[in-house]
Amino acid sequence: MTRRIKTILIATFMAGSLMMQAAPAVAKDYWHWSEKEHRWDHRADLRSDRNDLVEARRQLSYDRKHHAGRRKIAEDEARIRDLERDIREDRRTVR
């Protein structure tokens, strides 16, 4: 029984120490101080949309190189347009 408790305590300690190391990186990526409005803004949506846009463009390029069908290419282009629109809307709301 004591062996099981020791194992649980050590595992909990190790998981907690790993989480503490990752916490500053997560907070740094998603929060930004807005000088104009003097408050913190959450920018995870904008960053996520940008990453999705890069991935969607990469997928479109791949589909074109591998001669995908017109429907698939049209879906990729529509996805890119939607992401660009989302990014523009997010930028408007930040301003």
PDB file of N, CA and C in Angstrom:
ATOM      1  N   MET A   1       0.819  -1.200   0.000  1.00  0.00           N
ATOM      2  CA  MET A   1       0.000   0.000   0.000  1.00  0.00           C
ATOM      3  C   MET A   1       0.859   1.259   0.000  1.00  0.00           C
ATOM      4  N   THR A   2       1.903   1.292   0.790  1.00  0.00           N
ATOM      5  CA  THR A   2       2.750   2.478   0.832  1.00  0.00           C
ATOM      6  C   THR A   2       3.482   2.668  -0.490  1.00  0.00           C
ATOM      7  N   ARG A   3       3.774   1.584  -1.159  1.00  0.00           N
ATOM      8  CA  ARG A   3       4.445   1.683  -2.459  1.00  0.00           C
ATOM      9  C   ARG A   3       3.522   2.387  -3.464  1.00  0.00           C
ATOM     10  N   ARG A   4       2.264   2.039  -3.445  1.00  0.00           N
ATOM     11  CA  ARG A   4       1.292   2.647  -4.346  1.00  0.00           C
ATOM     12  C   ARG A   4       1.137   4.146  -4.046  1.00  0.00           C
ATOM     13  N   ILE A   5       1.093   4.508  -2.790  1.00  0.00           N
ATOM     14  CA  ILE A   5       0.961   5.915  -2.403  1.00  0.00           C
ATOM     15  C   ILE A   5       2.203   6.699  -2.828  1.00  0.00           C
ATOM     16  N   LYS A   6       3.375   6.118  -2.619  1.00  0.00           N
ATOM     17  CA  LYS A   6       4.606   6.784  -3.040  1.00  0.00           C
ATOM     18  C   LYS A   6       4.637   6.987  -4.551  1.00  0.00           C
ATOM     19  N   THR A   7       4.209   5.989  -5.285  1.00  0.00           N
ATOM     20  CA  THR A   7       4.173   6.103  -6.744  1.00  0.00           C
ATOM     21  C   THR A   7       3.224   7.204  -7.191  1.00  0.00           C
ATOM     22  N   ILE A   8       2.064   7.277  -6.579  1.00  0.00           N
ATOM     23  CA  ILE A   8       1.088   8.315  -6.918  1.00  0.00           C
ATOM     24  C   ILE A   8       1.639   9.701  -6.582  1.00  0.00           C
ATOM     25  N   LEU A   9       2.265   9.836  -5.421  1.00  0.00           N
ATOM     26  CA  LEU A   9       2.821  11.130  -5.022  1.00  0.00           C
ATOM     27  C   LEU A   9       3.953  11.572  -5.959  1.00  0.00           C
ATOM     28  N   ILE A  10       4.822  10.663  -6.321  1.00  0.00           N
ATOM     29  CA  ILE A  10       5.921  11.004  -7.233  1.00  0.00           C
ATOM     30  C   ILE A  10       5.380  11.381  -8.608  1.00  0.00           C
ATOM     31  N   ALA A  11       4.408  10.627  -9.101  1.00  0.00           N
ATOM     32  CA  ALA A  11       3.814  10.939 -10.401  1.00  0.00           C
ATOM     33  C   ALA A  11       3.125  12.298 -10.380  1.00  0.00           C
ATOM     34  N   THR A  12       2.429  12.598  -9.305  1.00  0.00           N
ATOM     35  CA  THR A  12       1.761  13.894  -9.178  1.00  0.00           C
ATOM     36  C   THR A  12       2.779  15.022  -9.136  1.00  0.00           C
ATOM     37  N   PHE A  13       3.852  14.833  -8.385  1.00  0.00           N
ATOM     38  CA  PHE A  13       4.895  15.849  -8.309  1.00  0.00           C
ATOM     39  C   PHE A  13       5.539  16.089  -9.675  1.00  0.00           C
ATOM     40  N   MET A  14       5.832  15.024 -10.401  1.00  0.00           N
ATOM     41  CA  MET A  14       6.456  15.164 -11.723  1.00  0.00           C
ATOM     42  C   MET A  14       5.510  15.850 -12.712  1.00  0.00           C
ATOM     43  N   ALA A  15       4.247  15.474 -12.695  1.00  0.00           N
ATOM     44  CA  ALA A  15       3.284  16.108 -13.590  1.00  0.00           C
ATOM     45  C   ALA A  15       3.133  17.588 -13.256  1.00  0.00           C
ATOM     46  N   GLY A  16       3.091  17.914 -11.984  1.00  0.00           N
ATOM     47  CA  GLY A  16       2.969  19.314 -11.571  1.00  0.00           C
ATOM     48  C   GLY A  16       4.172  20.136 -11.984  1.00  0.00           C
ATOM     49  N   SER A  17       5.368  19.565 -11.844  1.00  0.00           N
ATOM     50  CA  SER A  17       6.562  20.314 -12.228  1.00  0.00           C
ATOM     51  C   SER A  17       6.619  20.534 -13.733  1.00  0.00           C
ATOM     52  N   LEU A  18       6.164  19.555 -14.506  1.00  0.00           N
ATOM     53  CA  LEU A  18       6.130  19.738 -15.962  1.00  0.00           C
ATOM     54  C   LEU A  18       5.103  20.790 -16.372  1.00  0.00           C
ATOM     55  N   MET A  19       3.976  20.822 -15.687  1.00  0.00           N
ATOM     56  CA  MET A  19       2.948  21.808 -16.000  1.00  0.00           C
ATOM     57  C   MET A  19       3.417  23.219 -15.653  1.00  0.00           C
ATOM     58  N   MET A  20       4.173  23.359 -14.586  1.00  0.00           N
ATOM     59  CA  MET A  20       4.667  24.678 -14.190  1.00  0.00           C
ATOM     60  C   MET A  20       5.655  25.223 -15.214  1.00  0.00           C
ATOM     61  N   GLN A  21       6.404  24.362 -15.849  1.00  0.00           N
ATOM     62  CA  GLN A  21       7.344  24.803 -16.865  1.00  0.00           C
ATOM     63  C   GLN A  21       6.627  25.238 -18.128  1.00  0.00           C
ATOM     64  N   ALA A  22       5.519  24.610 -18.453  1.00  0.00           N
ATOM     65  CA  ALA A  22       4.786  24.927 -19.678  1.00  0.00           C
ATOM     66  C   ALA A  22       3.867  26.131 -19.508  1.00  0.00           C
ATOM     67  N   ALA A  23       3.471  26.467 -18.311  1.00  0.00           N
ATOM     68  CA  ALA A  23       2.500  27.539 -18.069  1.00  0.00           C
ATOM     69  C   ALA A  23       2.944  28.902 -18.594  1.00  0.00           C
ATOM     70  N   PRO A  24       4.180  29.373 -18.361  1.00  0.00           N
ATOM     71  CA  PRO A  24       4.554  30.689 -18.886  1.00  0.00           C
ATOM     72  C   PRO A  24       4.518  30.763 -20.408  1.00  0.00           C
ATOM     73  N   ALA A  25       4.873  29.684 -21.074  1.00  0.00           N
ATOM     74  CA  ALA A  25       4.852  29.687 -22.537  1.00  0.00           C
ATOM     75  C   ALA A  25       3.430  29.800 -23.061  1.00  0.00           C
ATOM     76  N   VAL A  26       2.505  29.129 -22.424  1.00  0.00           N
ATOM     77  CA  VAL A  26       1.106  29.197 -22.853  1.00  0.00           C
ATOM     78  C   VAL A  26       0.556  30.593 -22.622  1.00  0.00           C
ATOM     79  N   ALA A  27       0.808  31.172 -21.478  1.00  0.00           N
ATOM     80  CA  ALA A  27       0.294  32.502 -21.162  1.00  0.00           C
ATOM     81  C   ALA A  27       0.910  33.551 -22.085  1.00  0.00           C
ATOM     82  N   LYS A  28       2.152  33.401 -22.416  1.00  0.00           N
ATOM     83  CA  LYS A  28       2.832  34.375 -23.269  1.00  0.00           C
ATOM     84  C   LYS A  28       2.269  34.380 -24.681  1.00  0.00           C
ATOM     85  N   ASP A  29       1.885  33.224 -25.183  1.00  0.00           N
ATOM     86  CA  ASP A  29       1.405  33.135 -26.555  1.00  0.00           C
ATOM     87  C   ASP A  29       0.018  33.738 -26.756  1.00  0.00           C
ATOM     88  N   TYR A  30      -0.838  33.636 -25.764  1.00  0.00           N
ATOM     89  CA  TYR A  30      -2.235  33.956 -25.999  1.00  0.00           C
ATOM     90  C   TYR A  30      -2.715  35.269 -25.408  1.00  0.00           C
ATOM     91  N   TRP A  31      -1.921  35.928 -24.614  1.00  0.00           N
ATOM     92  CA  TRP A  31      -2.357  37.177 -24.009  1.00  0.00           C
ATOM     93  C   TRP A  31      -1.446  38.306 -24.437  1.00  0.00           C
ATOM     94  N   HIS A  32      -2.035  39.440 -24.714  1.00  0.00           N
ATOM     95  CA  HIS A  32      -1.288  40.595 -25.208  1.00  0.00           C
ATOM     96  C   HIS A  32      -1.808  41.857 -24.533  1.00  0.00           C
ATOM     97  N   TRP A  33      -0.883  42.710 -24.097  1.00  0.00           N
ATOM     98  CA  TRP A  33      -1.264  43.972 -23.469  1.00  0.00           C
ATOM     99  C   TRP A  33      -1.577  44.987 -24.555  1.00  0.00           C
ATOM    100  N   SER A  34      -2.781  45.515 -24.555  1.00  0.00           N
ATOM    101  CA  SER A  34      -3.205  46.518 -25.519  1.00  0.00           C
ATOM    102  C   SER A  34      -2.916  47.898 -24.940  1.00  0.00           C
ATOM    103  N   GLU A  35      -1.950  48.608 -25.528  1.00  0.00           N
ATOM    104  CA  GLU A  35      -1.595  49.948 -25.052  1.00  0.00           C
ATOM    105  C   GLU A  35      -2.742  50.936 -25.282  1.00  0.00           C
ATOM    106  N   LYS A  36      -3.440  50.764 -26.385  1.00  0.00           N
ATOM    107  CA  LYS A  36      -4.509  51.692 -26.720  1.00  0.00           C
ATOM    108  C   LYS A  36      -5.674  51.602 -25.734  1.00  0.00           C
ATOM    109  N   GLU A  37      -6.053  50.381 -25.359  1.00  0.00           N
ATOM    110  CA  GLU A  37      -7.201  50.207 -24.474  1.00  0.00           C
ATOM    111  C   GLU A  37      -6.807  49.936 -23.025  1.00  0.00           C
ATOM    112  N   HIS A  38      -5.520  49.840 -22.753  1.00  0.00           N
ATOM    113  CA  HIS A  38      -5.001  49.603 -21.408  1.00  0.00           C
ATOM    114  C   HIS A  38      -5.645  48.388 -20.749  1.00  0.00           C
ATOM    115  N   ARG A  39      -5.595  47.275 -21.460  1.00  0.00           N
ATOM    116  CA  ARG A  39      -6.111  46.025 -20.909  1.00  0.00           C
ATOM    117  C   ARG A  39      -5.467  44.856 -21.640  1.00  0.00           C
ATOM    118  N   TRP A  40      -5.643  43.669 -21.092  1.00  0.00           N
ATOM    119  CA  TRP A  40      -5.112  42.467 -21.712  1.00  0.00           C
ATOM    120  C   TRP A  40      -6.126  41.936 -22.723  1.00  0.00           C
ATOM    121  N   ASP A  41      -5.636  41.565 -23.904  1.00  0.00           N
ATOM    122  CA  ASP A  41      -6.481  40.982 -24.943  1.00  0.00           C
ATOM    123  C   ASP A  41      -6.102  39.528 -25.145  1.00  0.00           C
ATOM    124  N   HIS A  42      -7.091  38.725 -25.382  1.00  0.00           N
ATOM    125  CA  HIS A  42      -6.878  37.298 -25.661  1.00  0.00           C
ATOM    126  C   HIS A  42      -6.781  37.132 -27.170  1.00  0.00           C
ATOM    127  N   ARG A  43      -5.605  36.710 -27.658  1.00  0.00           N
ATOM    128  CA  ARG A  43      -5.391  36.627 -29.101  1.00  0.00           C
ATOM    129  C   ARG A  43      -5.289  35.191 -29.602  1.00  0.00           C
ATOM    130  N   ALA A  44      -5.796  34.247 -28.871  1.00  0.00           N
ATOM    131  CA  ALA A  44      -5.682  32.850 -29.288  1.00  0.00           C
ATOM    132  C   ALA A  44      -6.450  32.605 -30.585  1.00  0.00           C
ATOM    133  N   ASP A  45      -7.599  33.262 -30.749  1.00  0.00           N
ATOM    134  CA  ASP A  45      -8.390  33.045 -31.957  1.00  0.00           C
ATOM    135  C   ASP A  45      -7.633  33.493 -33.199  1.00  0.00           C
ATOM    136  N   LEU A  46      -7.022  34.655 -33.128  1.00  0.00           N
ATOM    137  CA  LEU A  46      -6.281  35.182 -34.274  1.00  0.00           C
ATOM    138  C   LEU A  46      -5.086  34.295 -34.594  1.00  0.00           C
ATOM    139  N   ARG A  47      -4.351  33.885 -33.586  1.00  0.00           N
ATOM    140  CA  ARG A  47      -3.189  33.027 -33.808  1.00  0.00           C
ATOM    141  C   ARG A  47      -3.619  31.675 -34.374  1.00  0.00           C
ATOM    142  N   SER A  48      -4.705  31.129 -33.877  1.00  0.00           N
ATOM    143  CA  SER A  48      -5.208  29.852 -34.366  1.00  0.00           C
ATOM    144  C   SER A  48      -5.640  29.972 -35.824  1.00  0.00           C
ATOM    145  N   ASP A  49      -6.329  31.071 -36.158  1.00  0.00           N
ATOM    146  CA  ASP A  49      -6.755  31.279 -37.543  1.00  0.00           C
ATOM    147  C   ASP A  49      -5.567  31.402 -38.476  1.00  0.00           C
ATOM    148  N   ARG A  50      -4.519  32.074 -38.037  1.00  0.00           N
ATOM    149  CA  ARG A  50      -3.325  32.210 -38.880  1.00  0.00           C
ATOM    150  C   ARG A  50      -2.676  30.857 -39.128  1.00  0.00           C
ATOM    151  N   ASN A  51      -2.586  30.047 -38.077  1.00  0.00           N
ATOM    152  CA  ASN A  51      -2.013  28.711 -38.251  1.00  0.00           C
ATOM    153  C   ASN A  51      -2.877  27.858 -39.169  1.00  0.00           C
ATOM    154  N   ASP A  52      -4.188  27.964 -39.008  1.00  0.00           N
ATOM    155  CA  ASP A  52      -5.100  27.225 -39.888  1.00  0.00           C
ATOM    156  C   ASP A  52      -4.972  27.694 -41.329  1.00  0.00           C
ATOM    157  N   LEU A  53      -4.762  28.997 -41.526  1.00  0.00           N
ATOM    158  CA  LEU A  53      -4.609  29.537 -42.877  1.00  0.00           C
ATOM    159  C   LEU A  53      -3.349  28.994 -43.540  1.00  0.00           C
ATOM    160  N   VAL A  54      -2.267  28.945 -42.802  1.00  0.00           N
ATOM    161  CA  VAL A  54      -1.019  28.388 -43.348  1.00  0.00           C
ATOM    162  C   VAL A  54      -1.232  26.932 -43.742  1.00  0.00           C
ATOM    163  N   GLU A  55      -1.903  26.181 -42.883  1.00  0.00           N
ATOM    164  CA  GLU A  55      -2.155  24.774 -43.174  1.00  0.00           C
ATOM    165  C   GLU A  55      -3.088  24.613 -44.379  1.00  0.00           C
ATOM    166  N   ALA A  56      -4.098  25.457 -44.492  1.00  0.00           N
ATOM    167  CA  ALA A  56      -5.023  25.379 -45.624  1.00  0.00           C
ATOM    168  C   ALA A  56      -4.308  25.707 -46.936  1.00  0.00           C
ATOM    169  N   ARG A  57      -3.428  26.694 -46.915  1.00  0.00           N
ATOM    170  CA  ARG A  57      -2.658  27.011 -48.128  1.00  0.00           C
ATOM    171  C   ARG A  57      -1.724  25.868 -48.498  1.00  0.00           C
ATOM    172  N   ARG A  58      -1.137  25.250 -47.498  1.00  0.00           N
ATOM    173  CA  ARG A  58      -0.263  24.098 -47.752  1.00  0.00           C
ATOM    174  C   ARG A  58      -1.068  22.951 -48.376  1.00  0.00           C
ATOM    175  N   GLN A  59      -2.282  22.730 -47.872  1.00  0.00           N
ATOM    176  CA  GLN A  59      -3.135  21.670 -48.410  1.00  0.00           C
ATOM    177  C   GLN A  59      -3.544  21.972 -49.851  1.00  0.00           C
ATOM    178  N   LEU A  60      -3.862  23.227 -50.138  1.00  0.00           N
ATOM    179  CA  LEU A  60      -4.216  23.608 -51.503  1.00  0.00           C
ATOM    180  C   LEU A  60      -3.046  23.371 -52.450  1.00  0.00           C
ATOM    181  N   SER A  61      -1.869  23.742 -52.019  1.00  0.00           N
ATOM    182  CA  SER A  61      -0.676  23.529 -52.834  1.00  0.00           C
ATOM    183  C   SER A  61      -0.451  22.037 -53.094  1.00  0.00           C
ATOM    184  N   TYR A  62      -0.625  21.240 -52.058  1.00  0.00           N
ATOM    185  CA  TYR A  62      -0.460  19.796 -52.196  1.00  0.00           C
ATOM    186  C   TYR A  62      -1.483  19.231 -53.177  1.00  0.00           C
ATOM    187  N   ASP A  63      -2.740  19.653 -53.034  1.00  0.00           N
ATOM    188  CA  ASP A  63      -3.792  19.139 -53.917  1.00  0.00           C
ATOM    189  C   ASP A  63      -3.554  19.538 -55.367  1.00  0.00           C
ATOM    190  N   ARG A  64      -3.073  20.745 -55.597  1.00  0.00           N
ATOM    191  CA  ARG A  64      -2.779  21.166 -56.965  1.00  0.00           C
ATOM    192  C   ARG A  64      -1.627  20.370 -57.567  1.00  0.00           C
ATOM    193  N   LYS A  65      -0.580  20.140 -56.775  1.00  0.00           N
ATOM    194  CA  LYS A  65       0.567  19.375 -57.268  1.00  0.00           C
ATOM    195  C   LYS A  65       0.199  17.932 -57.582  1.00  0.00           C
ATOM    196  N   HIS A  66      -0.756  17.377 -56.835  1.00  0.00           N
ATOM    197  CA  HIS A  66      -1.138  15.987 -57.030  1.00  0.00           C
ATOM    198  C   HIS A  66      -2.414  15.842 -57.859  1.00  0.00           C
ATOM    199  N   HIS A  67      -2.766  16.898 -58.567  1.00  0.00           N
ATOM    200  CA  HIS A  67      -3.880  16.886 -59.527  1.00  0.00           C
ATOM    201  C   HIS A  67      -5.196  16.403 -58.898  1.00  0.00           C
ATOM    202  N   ALA A  68      -5.558  17.038 -57.808  1.00  0.00           N
ATOM    203  CA  ALA A  68      -6.834  16.718 -57.160  1.00  0.00           C
ATOM    204  C   ALA A  68      -7.982  17.211 -58.036  1.00  0.00           C
ATOM    205  N   GLY A  69      -9.158  16.747 -57.743  1.00  0.00           N
ATOM    206  CA  GLY A  69     -10.332  17.134 -58.510  1.00  0.00           C
ATOM    207  C   GLY A  69     -10.713  18.593 -58.288  1.00  0.00           C
ATOM    208  N   ARG A  70     -11.521  19.106 -59.202  1.00  0.00           N
ATOM    209  CA  ARG A  70     -11.947  20.509 -59.111  1.00  0.00           C
ATOM    210  C   ARG A  70     -12.719  20.779 -57.828  1.00  0.00           C
ATOM    211  N   ARG A  71     -13.532  19.819 -57.418  1.00  0.00           N
ATOM    212  CA  ARG A  71     -14.335  19.998 -56.207  1.00  0.00           C
ATOM    213  C   ARG A  71     -13.431  20.149 -54.975  1.00  0.00           C
ATOM    214  N   LYS A  72     -12.398  19.338 -54.863  1.00  0.00           N
ATOM    215  CA  LYS A  72     -11.480  19.400 -53.724  1.00  0.00           C
ATOM    216  C   LYS A  72     -10.724  20.727 -53.720  1.00  0.00           C
ATOM    217  N   ILE A  73     -10.259  21.163 -54.884  1.00  0.00           N
ATOM    218  CA  ILE A  73      -9.551  22.445 -54.977  1.00  0.00           C
ATOM    219  C   ILE A  73     -10.489  23.602 -54.626  1.00  0.00           C
ATOM    220  N   ALA A  74     -11.732  23.525 -55.070  1.00  0.00           N
ATOM    221  CA  ALA A  74     -12.712  24.564 -54.738  1.00  0.00           C
ATOM    222  C   ALA A  74     -12.977  24.594 -53.227  1.00  0.00           C
ATOM    223  N   GLU A  75     -13.029  23.427 -52.590  1.00  0.00           N
ATOM    224  CA  GLU A  75     -13.214  23.373 -51.140  1.00  0.00           C
ATOM    225  C   GLU A  75     -12.023  24.012 -50.420  1.00  0.00           C
ATOM    226  N   ASP A  76     -10.819  23.711 -50.904  1.00  0.00           N
ATOM    227  CA  ASP A  76      -9.620  24.305 -50.298  1.00  0.00           C
ATOM    228  C   ASP A  76      -9.628  25.822 -50.440  1.00  0.00           C
ATOM    229  N   GLU A  77      -9.984  26.317 -51.616  1.00  0.00           N
ATOM    230  CA  GLU A  77     -10.024  27.762 -51.829  1.00  0.00           C
ATOM    231  C   GLU A  77     -11.097  28.423 -50.976  1.00  0.00           C
ATOM    232  N   ALA A  78     -12.240  27.766 -50.822  1.00  0.00           N
ATOM    233  CA  ALA A  78     -13.310  28.305 -49.973  1.00  0.00           C
ATOM    234  C   ALA A  78     -12.855  28.353 -48.517  1.00  0.00           C
ATOM    235  N   ARG A  79     -12.143  27.333 -48.082  1.00  0.00           N
ATOM    236  CA  ARG A  79     -11.623  27.319 -46.707  1.00  0.00           C
ATOM    237  C   ARG A  79     -10.654  28.480 -46.483  1.00  0.00           C
ATOM    238  N   ILE A  80      -9.798  28.744 -47.461  1.00  0.00           N
ATOM    239  CA  ILE A  80      -8.850  29.852 -47.352  1.00  0.00           C
ATOM    240  C   ILE A  80      -9.585  31.183 -47.274  1.00  0.00           C
ATOM    241  N   ARG A  81     -10.601  31.359 -48.118  1.00  0.00           N
ATOM    242  CA  ARG A  81     -11.384  32.606 -48.087  1.00  0.00           C
ATOM    243  C   ARG A  81     -12.071  32.788 -46.741  1.00  0.00           C
ATOM    244  N   ASP A  82     -12.623  31.704 -46.182  1.00  0.00           N
ATOM    245  CA  ASP A  82     -13.289  31.782 -44.877  1.00  0.00           C
ATOM    246  C   ASP A  82     -12.306  32.177 -43.773  1.00  0.00           C
ATOM    247  N   LEU A  83     -11.126  31.588 -43.800  1.00  0.00           N
ATOM    248  CA  LEU A  83     -10.129  31.920 -42.786  1.00  0.00           C
ATOM    249  C   LEU A  83      -9.652  33.358 -42.916  1.00  0.00           C
ATOM    250  N   GLU A  84      -9.452  33.817 -44.146  1.00  0.00           N
ATOM    251  CA  GLU A  84      -9.041  35.212 -44.350  1.00  0.00           C
ATOM    252  C   GLU A  84     -10.118  36.169 -43.849  1.00  0.00           C
ATOM    253  N   ARG A  85     -11.377  35.821 -44.082  1.00  0.00           N
ATOM    254  CA  ARG A  85     -12.488  36.648 -43.599  1.00  0.00           C
ATOM    255  C   ARG A  85     -12.517  36.666 -42.068  1.00  0.00           C
ATOM    256  N   ASP A  86     -12.310  35.505 -41.446  1.00  0.00           N
ATOM    257  CA  ASP A  86     -12.275  35.440 -39.986  1.00  0.00           C
ATOM    258  C   ASP A  86     -11.145  36.291 -39.416  1.00  0.00           C
ATOM    259  N   ILE A  87      -9.990  36.259 -40.056  1.00  0.00           N
ATOM    260  CA  ILE A  87      -8.855  37.056 -39.585  1.00  0.00           C
ATOM    261  C   ILE A  87      -9.165  38.541 -39.695  1.00  0.00           C
ATOM    262  N   ARG A  88      -9.766  38.958 -40.818  1.00  0.00           N
ATOM    263  CA  ARG A  88     -10.133  40.372 -40.957  1.00  0.00           C
ATOM    264  C   ARG A  88     -11.135  40.793 -39.890  1.00  0.00           C
ATOM    265  N   GLU A  89     -12.138  39.939 -39.604  1.00  0.00           N
ATOM    266  CA  GLU A  89     -13.132  40.263 -38.572  1.00  0.00           C
ATOM    267  C   GLU A  89     -12.478  40.345 -37.184  1.00  0.00           C
ATOM    268  N   ASP A  90     -11.555  39.430 -36.907  1.00  0.00           N
ATOM    269  CA  ASP A  90     -10.862  39.465 -35.607  1.00  0.00           C
ATOM    270  C   ASP A  90     -10.035  40.744 -35.471  1.00  0.00           C
ATOM    271  N   ARG A  91      -9.401  41.162 -36.539  1.00  0.00           N
ATOM    272  CA  ARG A  91      -8.613  42.396 -36.496  1.00  0.00           C
ATOM    273  C   ARG A  91      -9.501  43.611 -36.271  1.00  0.00           C
ATOM    274  N   ARG A  92     -10.685  43.609 -36.885  1.00  0.00           N
ATOM    275  CA  ARG A  92     -11.610  44.735 -36.695  1.00  0.00           C
ATOM    276  C   ARG A  92     -12.075  44.814 -35.244  1.00  0.00           C
ATOM    277  N   THR A  93     -12.351  43.666 -34.640  1.00  0.00           N
ATOM    278  CA  THR A  93     -12.835  43.678 -33.257  1.00  0.00           C
ATOM    279  C   THR A  93     -11.732  44.105 -32.291  1.00  0.00           C
ATOM    280  N   VAL A  94     -10.466  43.838 -32.629  1.00  0.00           N
ATOM    281  CA  VAL A  94      -9.357  44.246 -31.761  1.00  0.00           C
ATOM    282  C   VAL A  94      -9.183  45.755 -31.813  1.00  0.00           C
ATOM    283  N   ARG A  95      -9.393  46.350 -32.955  1.00  0.00           N
ATOM    284  CA  ARG A  95      -9.216  47.801 -33.089  1.00  0.00           C
ATOM    285  C   ARG A  95     -10.301  48.532 -32.471  1.00  0.00           C
TER     286      ARG A  95
END
